[in-house]
Amino acid sequence: MTKVKINPGLASVMLVASIFGGWECLLLVTLLMFIFCEVDDKIQNVAIRVITFYVAYTIVSMGWSVIYSGVSTAEGAITNIVATINTYLDPAEAIETTKLIVPIKNILAIADSVMDLLFLIVKLGFVVSVFTFKPASTNPLTTKINEYVNKVLNYINGNVNVQAAAPASTTQQQ
């Protein structure tokens, strides 16, 4: 099968731009490019950089989703517990949950909006850094993402700690 010659610059732009389309778009563009096009080392390096960034970005954003869901679950649990307690109390003695829950919901909504903005800035910063060949500015979120980028690259390169990767049941039996 003859592969199509593709401009490395155009291929790189397609890979980086596919970040904004999500995982499906990124993987589909990468897969089709590697199957049907002549891919040089520059394109391979961009593909590795984009995919490792997106893996790390997804891990950190999923971490935030776990935190957000955990706090939302705690808020719901508090509401349900107080409602259960209130069924055993006189209406005059009932505990008012709105004074407790409304501030939690408001703080959580603000934190989620700030995190959404930070994730968007990090994604945009990555794209700009790729196109300008300059490192993105650092903040705690990019630092955490870069930490996972390094872990993903180590995994790709075969530098995996076998003991840490083994399931807990097999390590306890030894």
C-alpha atoms as a PDB file:
ATOM      1  CA  MET A   1       0.000   0.000   0.000  1.00  0.00           C
ATOM      2  CA  THR A   2       1.366   3.377  -0.972  1.00  0.00           C
ATOM      3  CA  LYS A   3       1.251   5.965   1.791  1.00  0.00           C
ATOM      4  CA  VAL A   4       0.381   9.595   1.144  1.00  0.00           C
ATOM      5  CA  LYS A   5       3.105  12.185   1.662  1.00  0.00           C
ATOM      6  CA  ILE A   6       1.921  14.747   4.214  1.00  0.00           C
ATOM      7  CA  ASN A   7       3.443  18.074   5.124  1.00  0.00           C
ATOM      8  CA  PRO A   8       4.936  17.701   8.656  1.00  0.00           C
ATOM      9  CA  GLY A   9       3.701  21.157   9.655  1.00  0.00           C
ATOM     10  CA  LEU A  10       0.151  20.421   8.561  1.00  0.00           C
ATOM     11  CA  ALA A  11       0.241  17.024  10.260  1.00  0.00           C
ATOM     12  CA  SER A  12       1.462  18.624  13.485  1.00  0.00           C
ATOM     13  CA  VAL A  13      -1.293  21.248  13.362  1.00  0.00           C
ATOM     14  CA  MET A  14      -3.887  18.532  12.790  1.00  0.00           C
ATOM     15  CA  LEU A  15      -2.617  16.560  15.787  1.00  0.00           C
ATOM     16  CA  VAL A  16      -2.535  19.565  18.103  1.00  0.00           C
ATOM     17  CA  ALA A  17      -5.921  20.877  16.921  1.00  0.00           C
ATOM     18  CA  SER A  18      -7.509  17.480  17.464  1.00  0.00           C
ATOM     19  CA  ILE A  19      -7.020  17.999  21.225  1.00  0.00           C
ATOM     20  CA  PHE A  20     -10.028  20.322  21.107  1.00  0.00           C
ATOM     21  CA  GLY A  21     -12.152  17.569  19.575  1.00  0.00           C
ATOM     22  CA  GLY A  22     -11.599  15.187  22.479  1.00  0.00           C
ATOM     23  CA  TRP A  23     -10.154  11.695  22.786  1.00  0.00           C
ATOM     24  CA  GLU A  24     -12.061  10.189  19.894  1.00  0.00           C
ATOM     25  CA  CYS A  25     -10.917  12.872  17.472  1.00  0.00           C
ATOM     26  CA  LEU A  26      -7.304  12.796  18.700  1.00  0.00           C
ATOM     27  CA  LEU A  27      -6.996   9.025  18.433  1.00  0.00           C
ATOM     28  CA  LEU A  28      -8.803   8.865  15.094  1.00  0.00           C
ATOM     29  CA  VAL A  29      -6.622  11.573  13.527  1.00  0.00           C
ATOM     30  CA  THR A  30      -3.470   9.947  14.903  1.00  0.00           C
ATOM     31  CA  LEU A  31      -4.462   6.455  13.818  1.00  0.00           C
ATOM     32  CA  LEU A  32      -5.477   7.482  10.296  1.00  0.00           C
ATOM     33  CA  MET A  33      -2.345   9.574   9.917  1.00  0.00           C
ATOM     34  CA  PHE A  34      -0.060   6.707  10.927  1.00  0.00           C
ATOM     35  CA  ILE A  35      -1.905   4.190   8.738  1.00  0.00           C
ATOM     36  CA  PHE A  36      -2.282   6.197   5.540  1.00  0.00           C
ATOM     37  CA  CYS A  37       0.501   8.828   5.608  1.00  0.00           C
ATOM     38  CA  GLU A  38       4.267   8.872   5.552  1.00  0.00           C
ATOM     39  CA  VAL A  39       5.138   9.969   9.071  1.00  0.00           C
ATOM     40  CA  ASP A  40       8.582  11.320   9.849  1.00  0.00           C
ATOM     41  CA  ASP A  41      10.285  11.693  13.230  1.00  0.00           C
ATOM     42  CA  LYS A  42       8.986  15.246  13.715  1.00  0.00           C
ATOM     43  CA  ILE A  43       5.386  14.131  13.376  1.00  0.00           C
ATOM     44  CA  GLN A  44       5.986  11.131  15.648  1.00  0.00           C
ATOM     45  CA  ASN A  45       7.469  13.430  18.315  1.00  0.00           C
ATOM     46  CA  VAL A  46       4.482  15.786  18.094  1.00  0.00           C
ATOM     47  CA  ALA A  47       2.093  12.827  18.304  1.00  0.00           C
ATOM     48  CA  ILE A  48       3.864  11.505  21.395  1.00  0.00           C
ATOM     49  CA  ARG A  49       3.899  14.945  22.988  1.00  0.00           C
ATOM     50  CA  VAL A  50       0.203  15.564  22.269  1.00  0.00           C
ATOM     51  CA  ILE A  51      -0.981  12.141  23.394  1.00  0.00           C
ATOM     52  CA  THR A  52       1.087  12.121  26.593  1.00  0.00           C
ATOM     53  CA  PHE A  53      -0.142  15.625  27.434  1.00  0.00           C
ATOM     54  CA  TYR A  54      -3.737  14.606  26.847  1.00  0.00           C
ATOM     55  CA  VAL A  55      -3.383  11.446  28.933  1.00  0.00           C
ATOM     56  CA  ALA A  56      -1.923  13.470  31.813  1.00  0.00           C
ATOM     57  CA  TYR A  57      -4.532  16.217  31.352  1.00  0.00           C
ATOM     58  CA  THR A  58      -7.305  13.613  31.499  1.00  0.00           C
ATOM     59  CA  ILE A  59      -5.871  12.012  34.658  1.00  0.00           C
ATOM     60  CA  VAL A  60      -5.718  15.353  36.473  1.00  0.00           C
ATOM     61  CA  SER A  61      -9.155  16.471  35.262  1.00  0.00           C
ATOM     62  CA  MET A  62     -10.616  13.125  36.345  1.00  0.00           C
ATOM     63  CA  GLY A  63      -8.995  13.683  39.733  1.00  0.00           C
ATOM     64  CA  TRP A  64     -10.827  16.994  40.016  1.00  0.00           C
ATOM     65  CA  SER A  65     -14.072  15.246  38.986  1.00  0.00           C
ATOM     66  CA  VAL A  66     -13.573  12.723  41.793  1.00  0.00           C
ATOM     67  CA  ILE A  67     -13.052  15.537  44.316  1.00  0.00           C
ATOM     68  CA  TYR A  68     -16.084  17.438  43.016  1.00  0.00           C
ATOM     69  CA  SER A  69     -18.257  14.311  43.083  1.00  0.00           C
ATOM     70  CA  GLY A  70     -17.029  13.437  46.569  1.00  0.00           C
ATOM     71  CA  VAL A  71     -17.977  16.837  47.948  1.00  0.00           C
ATOM     72  CA  SER A  72     -21.343  16.705  46.145  1.00  0.00           C
ATOM     73  CA  THR A  73     -21.955  13.260  47.599  1.00  0.00           C
ATOM     74  CA  ALA A  74     -21.063  14.488  51.084  1.00  0.00           C
ATOM     75  CA  GLU A  75     -23.447  17.419  50.653  1.00  0.00           C
ATOM     76  CA  GLY A  76     -26.232  15.051  49.598  1.00  0.00           C
ATOM     77  CA  ALA A  77     -25.461  12.729  52.500  1.00  0.00           C
ATOM     78  CA  ILE A  78     -25.629  15.613  54.988  1.00  0.00           C
ATOM     79  CA  THR A  79     -28.975  16.695  53.531  1.00  0.00           C
ATOM     80  CA  ASN A  80     -30.366  13.159  53.784  1.00  0.00           C
ATOM     81  CA  ILE A  81     -29.073  12.627  57.336  1.00  0.00           C
ATOM     82  CA  VAL A  82     -30.528  15.923  58.515  1.00  0.00           C
ATOM     83  CA  ALA A  83     -33.832  15.146  56.777  1.00  0.00           C
ATOM     84  CA  THR A  84     -33.925  11.770  58.538  1.00  0.00           C
ATOM     85  CA  ILE A  85     -33.200  13.373  61.902  1.00  0.00           C
ATOM     86  CA  ASN A  86     -35.854  16.026  61.264  1.00  0.00           C
ATOM     87  CA  THR A  87     -38.526  13.328  60.871  1.00  0.00           C
ATOM     88  CA  TYR A  88     -38.043  12.506  64.568  1.00  0.00           C
ATOM     89  CA  LEU A  89     -38.101  16.114  65.756  1.00  0.00           C
ATOM     90  CA  ASP A  90     -40.926  18.557  66.221  1.00  0.00           C
ATOM     91  CA  PRO A  91     -41.175  21.009  63.335  1.00  0.00           C
ATOM     92  CA  ALA A  92     -40.128  23.842  65.656  1.00  0.00           C
ATOM     93  CA  GLU A  93     -36.929  21.939  66.607  1.00  0.00           C
ATOM     94  CA  ALA A  94     -36.093  20.830  63.037  1.00  0.00           C
ATOM     95  CA  ILE A  95     -32.567  21.449  61.824  1.00  0.00           C
ATOM     96  CA  GLU A  96     -32.386  23.900  58.935  1.00  0.00           C
ATOM     97  CA  THR A  97     -30.143  22.458  56.255  1.00  0.00           C
ATOM     98  CA  THR A  98     -30.146  25.478  53.969  1.00  0.00           C
ATOM     99  CA  LYS A  99     -27.823  27.398  56.285  1.00  0.00           C
ATOM    100  CA  LEU A 100     -25.282  24.594  55.946  1.00  0.00           C
ATOM    101  CA  ILE A 101     -25.830  23.304  52.420  1.00  0.00           C
ATOM    102  CA  VAL A 102     -26.268  26.534  50.443  1.00  0.00           C
ATOM    103  CA  PRO A 103     -22.771  27.857  51.322  1.00  0.00           C
ATOM    104  CA  ILE A 104     -21.246  24.461  50.460  1.00  0.00           C
ATOM    105  CA  LYS A 105     -23.053  24.433  47.083  1.00  0.00           C
ATOM    106  CA  ASN A 106     -21.982  28.011  46.362  1.00  0.00           C
ATOM    107  CA  ILE A 107     -18.325  27.344  47.223  1.00  0.00           C
ATOM    108  CA  LEU A 108     -18.372  24.144  45.185  1.00  0.00           C
ATOM    109  CA  ALA A 109     -19.897  25.932  42.180  1.00  0.00           C
ATOM    110  CA  ILE A 110     -17.253  28.666  42.357  1.00  0.00           C
ATOM    111  CA  ALA A 111     -14.431  26.122  42.716  1.00  0.00           C
ATOM    112  CA  ASP A 112     -15.749  24.126  39.766  1.00  0.00           C
ATOM    113  CA  SER A 113     -15.959  27.247  37.587  1.00  0.00           C
ATOM    114  CA  VAL A 114     -12.402  28.217  38.529  1.00  0.00           C
ATOM    115  CA  MET A 115     -11.117  24.701  37.788  1.00  0.00           C
ATOM    116  CA  ASP A 116     -12.922  24.636  34.422  1.00  0.00           C
ATOM    117  CA  LEU A 117     -11.240  27.931  33.542  1.00  0.00           C
ATOM    118  CA  LEU A 118      -7.830  26.654  34.697  1.00  0.00           C
ATOM    119  CA  PHE A 119      -8.186  23.458  32.643  1.00  0.00           C
ATOM    120  CA  LEU A 120      -9.085  25.516  29.588  1.00  0.00           C
ATOM    121  CA  ILE A 121      -6.076  27.802  30.173  1.00  0.00           C
ATOM    122  CA  VAL A 122      -3.771  24.785  30.551  1.00  0.00           C
ATOM    123  CA  LYS A 123      -5.049  23.247  27.315  1.00  0.00           C
ATOM    124  CA  LEU A 124      -4.701  26.560  25.483  1.00  0.00           C
ATOM    125  CA  GLY A 125      -1.242  27.100  27.011  1.00  0.00           C
ATOM    126  CA  PHE A 126      -0.116  23.705  25.750  1.00  0.00           C
ATOM    127  CA  VAL A 127      -1.279  24.439  22.213  1.00  0.00           C
ATOM    128  CA  VAL A 128       0.420  27.849  22.241  1.00  0.00           C
ATOM    129  CA  SER A 129       3.635  26.331  23.637  1.00  0.00           C
ATOM    130  CA  VAL A 130       3.689  23.731  20.858  1.00  0.00           C
ATOM    131  CA  PHE A 131       3.236  26.360  18.154  1.00  0.00           C
ATOM    132  CA  THR A 132       5.726  28.856  19.635  1.00  0.00           C
ATOM    133  CA  PHE A 133       8.334  26.259  20.703  1.00  0.00           C
ATOM    134  CA  LYS A 134       8.377  27.810  24.183  1.00  0.00           C
ATOM    135  CA  PRO A 135       7.480  26.087  27.436  1.00  0.00           C
ATOM    136  CA  ALA A 136       4.052  26.860  28.845  1.00  0.00           C
ATOM    137  CA  SER A 137       3.862  28.979  31.974  1.00  0.00           C
ATOM    138  CA  THR A 138       3.780  26.947  35.146  1.00  0.00           C
ATOM    139  CA  ASN A 139       1.155  26.856  37.852  1.00  0.00           C
ATOM    140  CA  PRO A 140       0.147  24.092  40.273  1.00  0.00           C
ATOM    141  CA  LEU A 141      -2.163  22.530  37.688  1.00  0.00           C
ATOM    142  CA  THR A 142       0.438  22.432  34.897  1.00  0.00           C
ATOM    143  CA  THR A 143       3.003  21.129  37.364  1.00  0.00           C
ATOM    144  CA  LYS A 144       0.696  18.227  38.255  1.00  0.00           C
ATOM    145  CA  ILE A 145      -0.058  17.550  34.594  1.00  0.00           C
ATOM    146  CA  ASN A 146       3.660  17.609  33.750  1.00  0.00           C
ATOM    147  CA  GLU A 147       4.259  15.111  36.559  1.00  0.00           C
ATOM    148  CA  TYR A 148       1.839  12.719  34.873  1.00  0.00           C
ATOM    149  CA  VAL A 149       3.320  13.471  31.438  1.00  0.00           C
ATOM    150  CA  ASN A 150       6.659  12.225  32.780  1.00  0.00           C
ATOM    151  CA  LYS A 151       4.994   9.102  34.196  1.00  0.00           C
ATOM    152  CA  VAL A 152       3.288   8.377  30.879  1.00  0.00           C
ATOM    153  CA  LEU A 153       6.556   8.883  28.983  1.00  0.00           C
ATOM    154  CA  ASN A 154       8.336   6.552  31.397  1.00  0.00           C
ATOM    155  CA  TYR A 155       5.610   3.981  30.808  1.00  0.00           C
ATOM    156  CA  ILE A 156       5.895   4.347  27.022  1.00  0.00           C
ATOM    157  CA  ASN A 157       9.668   3.982  27.209  1.00  0.00           C
ATOM    158  CA  GLY A 158       9.383   0.823  29.295  1.00  0.00           C
ATOM    159  CA  ASN A 159      10.598   2.338  32.561  1.00  0.00           C
ATOM    160  CA  VAL A 160       7.817   0.753  34.575  1.00  0.00           C
ATOM    161  CA  ASN A 161       8.127  -0.292  38.192  1.00  0.00           C
ATOM    162  CA  VAL A 162       6.785  -3.857  37.990  1.00  0.00           C
ATOM    163  CA  GLN A 163       6.165  -4.099  41.754  1.00  0.00           C
ATOM    164  CA  ALA A 164       4.060  -0.910  41.724  1.00  0.00           C
ATOM    165  CA  ALA A 165       2.128  -2.033  38.636  1.00  0.00           C
ATOM    166  CA  ALA A 166       1.242  -5.473  40.084  1.00  0.00           C
ATOM    167  CA  PRO A 167      -2.242  -5.976  41.532  1.00  0.00           C
ATOM    168  CA  ALA A 168      -2.451  -5.777  45.329  1.00  0.00           C
ATOM    169  CA  SER A 169      -3.505  -9.429  45.671  1.00  0.00           C
ATOM    170  CA  THR A 170      -0.322 -10.747  44.022  1.00  0.00           C
ATOM    171  CA  THR A 171       1.998  -8.531  46.033  1.00  0.00           C
ATOM    172  CA  GLN A 172       0.415  -9.592  49.316  1.00  0.00           C
ATOM    173  CA  GLN A 173       0.847 -13.296  48.576  1.00  0.00           C
ATOM    174  CA  GLN A 174       4.618 -13.001  48.175  1.00  0.00           C
END
